[in-house]
């Protein structure tokens, strides 16, 4: 009997790999004959590199790149077990956590380091790149990323920043890295925001990156100007406004396509093949609620398993409002670490041990 264990990370408590291992230990304690397939996953955000490297037997690489404020940072990325697929989290090079609170200003930040990570993956022989674009400190429309890959922005700055978008007079693609035409770049993107306007990159996400009301207007105007120079990409494309317009820039300058994050991850770990002979799937993450149906890991896993007639149980940190809605979207049932009266603080502190005990207690009931 095979049980497929495919959780996401429990933020600030355990990684996806640690969660999978804890669930596996709990099941083995009561079902020692069961075949446990540990398959940590992610939704394209934080933890995607670690989850995919672990699930495919790949390796983690580190590259020195320019951070969002122009200061070098050591950025982690992964080369998966097939040796041809790279996975990158843009936050490693341009994440909000790399900009101290008193220095957050999306008119001055750049995605240049993201382009350097793409170049590093190409140098390593990648034929396919999975790029997660959550948690950015930037609103440069992906121009910094493109600049690192050879695209020139006449009139702009070096590196390109959000504040320089309005100064660009022309874009020259002649020096673009030719290897971009030979690699498939797929972007894990779960937001649908357009590039500009009231739902655009600057208006919706600029303030949390440190932008003042006046800067939001400047950034939005700069992104609109960029869109006029790149008239071959629709600025209203769902996801164009993701990560400060990086979604738009990746499509425009790197021939990328945007896809739902969890779907990309499940494809990368060969989930469909691994679930076919499973008797049960166990997934999990830090929180499950009604909003989880909008693309979170647990529901993505459950829906993929449901296609093969396999039940899915979610073991999560805590449950939120309208969680029962998840049962109409693929999940068989759910349990949380705090359902027996355990405090949230203890659940965070002792996550692996409590998750192991929960799996040991509830999984046999569904076989």
Protein backbone atom coordinates (compact mmCIF):
# COMPACT_ATOMS: atom_id res chain seq x y z
CA UNK A 1 0.00 0.00 0.00
CA UNK A 2 1.45 3.33 -1.11
CA UNK A 3 0.79 6.68 0.55
CA UNK A 4 1.94 9.83 -1.25
CA UNK A 5 2.97 12.61 1.14
CA UNK A 6 2.95 16.01 -0.58
CA UNK A 7 2.87 18.98 1.83
CA UNK A 8 3.99 22.57 1.41
CA UNK A 9 6.03 24.35 4.08
CA UNK A 10 4.49 25.46 7.37
CA UNK A 11 5.82 29.02 7.43
CA UNK A 12 8.16 29.80 10.33
CA UNK A 13 7.72 26.25 11.64
CA UNK A 14 9.06 23.71 9.11
CA UNK A 15 10.05 23.37 5.49
CA UNK A 16 8.05 21.23 3.08
CA UNK A 17 10.72 18.51 3.31
CA UNK A 18 10.60 18.58 7.12
CA UNK A 19 6.81 18.40 7.07
CA UNK A 20 6.85 15.47 4.65
CA UNK A 21 9.38 13.62 6.81
CA UNK A 22 7.30 14.20 9.96
CA UNK A 23 4.13 12.89 8.31
CA UNK A 24 6.06 9.92 6.96
CA UNK A 25 7.35 9.03 10.43
CA UNK A 26 3.86 9.21 11.88
CA UNK A 27 2.41 6.91 9.24
CA UNK A 28 5.26 4.41 9.52
CA UNK A 29 4.75 4.18 13.29
CA UNK A 30 1.24 2.73 12.82
CA UNK A 31 1.50 1.29 9.30
CA UNK A 32 5.03 -0.12 9.11
CA UNK A 33 4.32 -2.03 5.89
CA UNK A 34 3.11 1.04 3.99
CA UNK A 35 5.22 2.39 1.15
CA UNK A 36 5.71 6.10 1.85
CA UNK A 37 6.54 8.37 -1.10
CA UNK A 38 7.79 11.71 0.25
CA UNK A 39 7.05 14.44 -2.29
CA UNK A 40 7.41 17.93 -0.75
CA UNK A 41 5.82 20.62 -2.91
CA UNK A 42 5.22 24.38 -3.03
CA UNK A 43 3.07 26.92 -4.84
CA UNK A 44 5.88 28.80 -6.55
CA UNK A 45 6.56 31.10 -3.60
CA UNK A 46 8.95 30.78 -0.69
CA UNK A 47 10.31 27.26 -0.33
CA UNK A 48 9.89 26.25 -3.97
CA UNK A 49 13.61 25.73 -4.58
CA UNK A 50 14.06 23.52 -1.52
CA UNK A 51 10.90 21.51 -2.19
CA UNK A 52 11.67 20.77 -5.84
CA UNK A 53 15.34 20.00 -5.25
CA UNK A 54 14.40 17.57 -2.48
CA UNK A 55 11.55 15.96 -4.42
CA UNK A 56 13.64 15.36 -7.56
CA UNK A 57 17.05 14.56 -6.10
CA UNK A 58 18.55 17.76 -7.47
CA UNK A 59 21.07 20.16 -5.98
CA UNK A 60 21.06 23.67 -4.55
CA UNK A 61 23.36 26.24 -6.16
CA UNK A 62 24.42 29.67 -4.90
CA UNK A 63 25.30 32.66 -7.08
CA UNK A 64 26.45 36.15 -6.12
CA UNK A 65 24.08 38.66 -7.74
CA UNK A 66 23.02 42.27 -7.37
CA UNK A 67 20.35 42.70 -4.70
CA UNK A 68 17.38 45.07 -4.99
CA UNK A 69 19.36 48.02 -3.58
CA UNK A 70 22.41 47.43 -5.78
CA UNK A 71 24.36 45.58 -3.08
CA UNK A 72 25.61 42.06 -3.85
CA UNK A 73 23.75 39.17 -2.20
CA UNK A 74 24.25 35.40 -2.22
CA UNK A 75 21.19 33.98 -3.96
CA UNK A 76 20.12 30.35 -3.81
CA UNK A 77 18.58 28.52 -6.77
CA UNK A 78 18.16 24.89 -7.75
CA UNK A 79 19.04 22.46 -10.52
CA UNK A 80 16.55 19.59 -10.49
CA UNK A 81 17.28 15.90 -10.74
CA UNK A 82 16.92 15.80 -14.53
CA UNK A 83 19.93 18.12 -14.83
CA UNK A 84 18.06 20.30 -17.33
CA UNK A 85 15.46 22.12 -15.22
CA UNK A 86 16.40 25.07 -13.03
CA UNK A 87 14.16 26.59 -10.37
CA UNK A 88 14.56 30.18 -9.24
CA UNK A 89 12.80 32.26 -6.59
CA UNK A 90 13.03 35.91 -7.60
CA UNK A 91 12.88 36.90 -3.93
CA UNK A 92 16.38 35.45 -3.50
CA UNK A 93 17.70 38.31 -5.66
CA UNK A 94 15.05 41.04 -5.35
CA UNK A 95 12.92 40.13 -2.34
CA UNK A 96 11.41 42.60 0.10
CA UNK A 97 13.35 40.94 2.93
CA UNK A 98 16.57 42.14 1.27
CA UNK A 99 15.56 45.79 1.69
CA UNK A 100 15.65 47.08 5.29
CA UNK A 101 12.38 48.73 6.29
CA UNK A 102 13.90 52.22 6.30
CA UNK A 103 15.33 51.74 2.79
CA UNK A 104 12.26 50.38 1.00
CA UNK A 105 11.62 52.53 -2.05
CA UNK A 106 10.46 50.86 -5.28
CA UNK A 107 11.60 53.86 -7.30
CA UNK A 108 15.19 52.83 -6.42
CA UNK A 109 15.04 49.01 -6.42
CA UNK A 110 15.93 46.70 -9.29
CA UNK A 111 15.38 43.16 -10.57
CA UNK A 112 18.86 43.10 -12.13
CA UNK A 113 19.87 40.17 -9.92
CA UNK A 114 16.96 38.09 -11.21
CA UNK A 115 18.42 38.35 -14.70
CA UNK A 116 21.79 37.30 -13.31
CA UNK A 117 20.17 34.20 -11.81
CA UNK A 118 18.59 33.35 -15.16
CA UNK A 119 22.03 33.73 -16.77
CA UNK A 120 23.54 31.44 -14.12
CA UNK A 121 20.92 28.80 -14.89
CA UNK A 122 21.71 29.09 -18.60
CA UNK A 123 25.43 28.75 -17.82
CA UNK A 124 24.63 25.52 -15.96
CA UNK A 125 22.97 24.08 -19.06
CA UNK A 126 19.33 24.54 -18.09
CA UNK A 127 16.87 23.91 -20.90
CA UNK A 128 13.85 24.82 -18.78
CA UNK A 129 13.56 27.41 -16.01
CA UNK A 130 10.77 27.56 -13.44
CA UNK A 131 10.65 31.02 -11.91
CA UNK A 132 8.65 31.92 -8.81
CA UNK A 133 7.99 35.66 -8.56
CA UNK A 134 6.43 36.35 -5.16
CA UNK A 135 7.65 38.70 -2.44
CA UNK A 136 9.41 41.36 -4.51
CA UNK A 137 10.83 44.70 -3.37
CA UNK A 138 10.65 46.06 -6.91
CA UNK A 139 8.39 47.85 -9.39
CA UNK A 140 10.68 48.12 -12.40
CA UNK A 141 8.57 46.16 -14.88
CA UNK A 142 11.30 43.55 -15.16
CA UNK A 143 13.62 46.01 -16.89
CA UNK A 144 16.49 45.35 -14.49
CA UNK A 145 16.16 41.63 -15.15
CA UNK A 146 16.19 42.24 -18.90
CA UNK A 147 19.18 44.57 -18.65
CA UNK A 148 21.23 41.83 -16.99
CA UNK A 149 20.41 39.64 -19.99
CA UNK A 150 21.63 42.15 -22.56
CA UNK A 151 18.58 44.31 -23.28
CA UNK A 152 19.41 48.02 -23.46
CA UNK A 153 17.10 50.78 -22.22
CA UNK A 154 18.19 54.04 -23.82
CA UNK A 155 17.76 57.01 -21.51
CA UNK A 156 17.30 54.78 -18.48
CA UNK A 157 19.58 54.03 -15.55
CA UNK A 158 22.09 51.26 -14.86
CA UNK A 159 20.74 49.26 -13.20
CA UNK A 160 17.19 50.00 -14.27
CA UNK A 161 14.84 50.91 -11.42
CA UNK A 162 11.19 51.79 -11.11
CA UNK A 163 12.02 55.47 -10.96
CA UNK A 164 13.86 55.36 -14.29
CA UNK A 165 11.03 53.85 -16.33
CA UNK A 166 9.70 57.22 -17.45
CA UNK A 167 13.13 58.23 -18.79
CA UNK A 168 13.47 55.36 -21.26
CA UNK A 169 13.31 56.58 -24.86
CA UNK A 170 13.89 53.31 -26.72
CA UNK A 171 14.53 49.62 -26.10
CA UNK A 172 17.23 47.71 -27.99
CA UNK A 173 16.88 43.92 -28.00
CA UNK A 174 19.85 43.29 -30.31
CA UNK A 175 22.20 42.37 -27.46
CA UNK A 176 19.76 40.07 -25.69
CA UNK A 177 21.32 36.76 -24.62
CA UNK A 178 20.66 34.45 -27.61
CA UNK A 179 20.26 31.47 -25.28
CA UNK A 180 16.87 32.86 -24.24
CA UNK A 181 15.56 31.67 -27.59
CA UNK A 182 16.57 28.10 -26.77
CA UNK A 183 15.20 27.76 -23.24
CA UNK A 184 11.65 27.41 -21.92
CA UNK A 185 10.90 29.84 -19.09
CA UNK A 186 7.69 29.27 -17.16
CA UNK A 187 6.64 31.64 -14.40
CA UNK A 188 4.76 30.53 -11.30
CA UNK A 189 2.20 33.31 -11.04
CA UNK A 190 -0.98 33.11 -8.98
CA UNK A 191 -2.05 36.76 -9.17
CA UNK A 192 -4.08 38.17 -12.05
CA UNK A 193 -3.28 41.87 -11.75
CA UNK A 194 -2.66 43.82 -14.97
CA UNK A 195 0.44 45.97 -15.34
CA UNK A 196 -1.14 49.37 -14.65
CA UNK A 197 -4.25 51.08 -13.33
CA UNK A 198 -6.14 50.72 -10.04
CA UNK A 199 -5.44 46.96 -9.95
CA UNK A 200 -1.93 47.31 -11.34
CA UNK A 201 1.51 46.63 -9.91
CA UNK A 202 2.10 50.10 -8.45
CA UNK A 203 -1.36 50.80 -7.03
CA UNK A 204 -1.92 47.44 -5.35
CA UNK A 205 1.56 46.44 -4.22
CA UNK A 206 3.60 49.66 -4.27
CA UNK A 207 2.63 50.87 -0.77
CA UNK A 208 3.72 47.63 0.93
CA UNK A 209 7.10 48.05 -0.78
CA UNK A 210 7.52 51.52 0.70
CA UNK A 211 6.04 53.72 -2.03
CA UNK A 212 4.36 56.99 -1.07
CA UNK A 213 1.11 58.01 -2.73
CA UNK A 214 3.06 60.30 -5.06
CA UNK A 215 5.54 57.54 -5.90
CA UNK A 216 2.68 55.16 -6.73
CA UNK A 217 1.53 57.63 -9.38
CA UNK A 218 5.07 57.99 -10.73
CA UNK A 219 5.59 54.23 -10.87
CA UNK A 220 2.23 53.63 -12.56
CA UNK A 221 3.02 56.27 -15.17
CA UNK A 222 6.45 54.71 -15.72
CA UNK A 223 4.95 51.26 -16.22
CA UNK A 224 2.38 52.70 -18.63
CA UNK A 225 5.23 54.33 -20.58
CA UNK A 226 7.06 50.99 -20.68
CA UNK A 227 3.93 49.36 -22.08
CA UNK A 228 3.84 51.86 -24.95
CA UNK A 229 7.43 50.92 -25.84
CA UNK A 230 6.62 47.20 -25.64
CA UNK A 231 3.47 47.24 -27.73
CA UNK A 232 3.80 43.56 -28.65
CA UNK A 233 2.72 42.42 -25.15
CA UNK A 234 -0.75 43.12 -23.75
CA UNK A 235 -0.36 45.13 -20.53
CA UNK A 236 -3.75 43.82 -19.35
CA UNK A 237 -2.47 40.23 -19.47
CA UNK A 238 -3.48 38.56 -16.18
CA UNK A 239 -0.32 38.44 -14.08
CA UNK A 240 1.46 41.22 -15.98
CA UNK A 241 1.47 43.24 -12.76
CA UNK A 242 2.91 40.44 -10.63
CA UNK A 243 6.10 41.27 -8.70
CA UNK A 244 6.11 44.92 -9.70
CA UNK A 245 5.57 44.18 -13.37
CA UNK A 246 8.17 41.43 -13.54
CA UNK A 247 5.45 39.20 -15.01
CA UNK A 248 5.15 41.63 -17.91
CA UNK A 249 8.92 41.93 -18.31
CA UNK A 250 9.48 38.19 -18.39
CA UNK A 251 6.92 37.78 -21.15
CA UNK A 252 8.25 40.80 -23.07
CA UNK A 253 11.99 40.26 -22.76
CA UNK A 254 12.49 36.56 -21.96
CA UNK A 255 9.69 34.92 -23.99
CA UNK A 256 8.28 33.46 -20.77
CA UNK A 257 4.76 32.27 -20.12
CA UNK A 258 2.77 32.65 -16.90
CA UNK A 259 1.17 29.62 -15.25
CA UNK A 260 -0.48 28.66 -11.97
CA UNK A 261 2.30 27.98 -9.48
CA UNK A 262 1.12 24.72 -7.94
CA UNK A 263 0.52 23.24 -11.40
CA UNK A 264 4.11 23.96 -12.42
CA UNK A 265 5.44 22.39 -9.25
CA UNK A 266 3.31 19.25 -9.55
CA UNK A 267 4.49 18.81 -13.13
CA UNK A 268 8.12 19.22 -12.07
CA UNK A 269 7.88 16.51 -9.39
CA UNK A 270 6.00 14.16 -11.77
CA UNK A 271 3.01 14.10 -9.43
CA UNK A 272 0.63 12.46 -11.94
CA UNK A 273 2.88 9.42 -12.26
CA UNK A 274 3.54 9.18 -8.53
CA UNK A 275 -0.14 9.40 -7.52
CA UNK A 276 -1.49 6.75 -9.89
CA UNK A 277 -0.76 3.77 -7.66
CA UNK A 278 -1.32 5.58 -4.35
CA UNK A 279 -4.02 4.50 -1.92
CA UNK A 280 -4.09 7.91 -0.25
CA UNK A 281 -2.51 11.37 -0.54
CA UNK A 282 -1.54 13.48 2.47
CA UNK A 283 -0.94 17.19 1.93
CA UNK A 284 -0.59 20.14 4.27
CA UNK A 285 0.53 23.71 4.90
CA UNK A 286 0.41 26.31 7.63
CA UNK A 287 -3.19 27.43 7.19
CA UNK A 288 -6.29 26.21 5.38
CA UNK A 289 -9.37 28.39 4.85
CA UNK A 290 -11.91 29.38 2.24
CA UNK A 291 -9.32 31.43 0.35
CA UNK A 292 -7.24 28.30 -0.20
CA UNK A 293 -9.39 27.43 -3.20
CA UNK A 294 -7.74 30.33 -5.07
CA UNK A 295 -4.59 28.37 -5.87
CA UNK A 296 -3.03 27.23 -2.61
CA UNK A 297 -1.03 24.03 -2.40
CA UNK A 298 -3.47 21.78 -0.55
CA UNK A 299 -6.24 22.28 -3.09
CA UNK A 300 -3.90 21.94 -6.05
CA UNK A 301 -2.64 18.62 -4.72
CA UNK A 302 -6.16 17.42 -3.94
CA UNK A 303 -7.48 18.29 -7.38
CA UNK A 304 -4.56 16.56 -9.09
CA UNK A 305 -5.14 13.43 -6.99
CA UNK A 306 -8.89 13.54 -7.58
CA UNK A 307 -8.30 13.13 -11.32
CA UNK A 308 -6.96 9.67 -10.51
CA UNK A 309 -9.69 8.83 -7.99
CA UNK A 310 -7.36 9.13 -5.00
CA UNK A 311 -8.53 10.69 -1.72
CA UNK A 312 -6.57 13.55 -0.14
CA UNK A 313 -6.30 14.51 3.52
CA UNK A 314 -4.91 17.89 4.56
CA UNK A 315 -2.96 18.10 7.82
CA UNK A 316 -2.47 21.81 8.51
CA UNK A 317 -1.29 24.20 11.17
CA UNK A 318 -4.64 25.89 11.70
CA UNK A 319 -8.06 26.25 10.11
CA UNK A 320 -9.64 29.56 9.09
CA UNK A 321 -12.97 30.98 8.00
CA UNK A 322 -15.05 29.09 5.44
CA UNK A 323 -12.66 26.14 5.46
CA UNK A 324 -15.54 23.78 4.71
CA UNK A 325 -15.60 25.19 1.16
CA UNK A 326 -12.41 23.25 0.46
CA UNK A 327 -14.36 19.98 0.63
CA UNK A 328 -16.16 20.94 -2.58
CA UNK A 329 -12.84 21.46 -4.35
CA UNK A 330 -11.09 18.12 -4.03
CA UNK A 331 -10.23 17.61 -0.37
CA UNK A 332 -11.65 14.57 1.42
CA UNK A 333 -11.12 16.01 4.90
CA UNK A 334 -8.76 18.12 6.99
CA UNK A 335 -7.23 18.13 10.46
CA UNK A 336 -5.17 20.77 12.25
CA UNK A 337 -2.39 20.77 14.81
CA UNK A 338 -4.52 22.85 17.18
CA UNK A 339 -7.78 20.90 16.99
CA UNK A 340 -7.09 19.15 20.32
CA UNK A 341 -6.60 22.40 22.21
CA UNK A 342 -2.91 22.84 21.43
CA UNK A 343 -1.99 26.54 21.43
CA UNK A 344 -0.89 28.14 18.15
CA UNK A 345 2.38 29.09 19.82
CA UNK A 346 3.13 25.49 20.71
CA UNK A 347 2.09 24.35 17.23
CA UNK A 348 4.66 26.73 15.74
CA UNK A 349 7.36 25.73 18.22
CA UNK A 350 6.85 21.97 18.10
CA UNK A 351 5.49 21.63 14.57
CA UNK A 352 7.32 18.50 13.38
CA UNK A 353 6.57 16.46 16.51
CA UNK A 354 2.91 17.50 16.56
CA UNK A 355 2.50 16.82 12.83
CA UNK A 356 4.02 13.37 13.27
CA UNK A 357 1.59 12.62 16.10
CA UNK A 358 -1.39 13.92 14.10
CA UNK A 359 -0.51 11.74 11.11
CA UNK A 360 -0.10 8.72 13.37
CA UNK A 361 -3.54 9.35 14.89
CA UNK A 362 -5.71 10.16 11.87
CA UNK A 363 -4.28 8.59 8.71
CA UNK A 364 -5.29 4.96 9.46
CA UNK A 365 -8.94 6.06 9.64
CA UNK A 366 -8.96 6.81 5.90
CA UNK A 367 -7.49 3.56 4.59
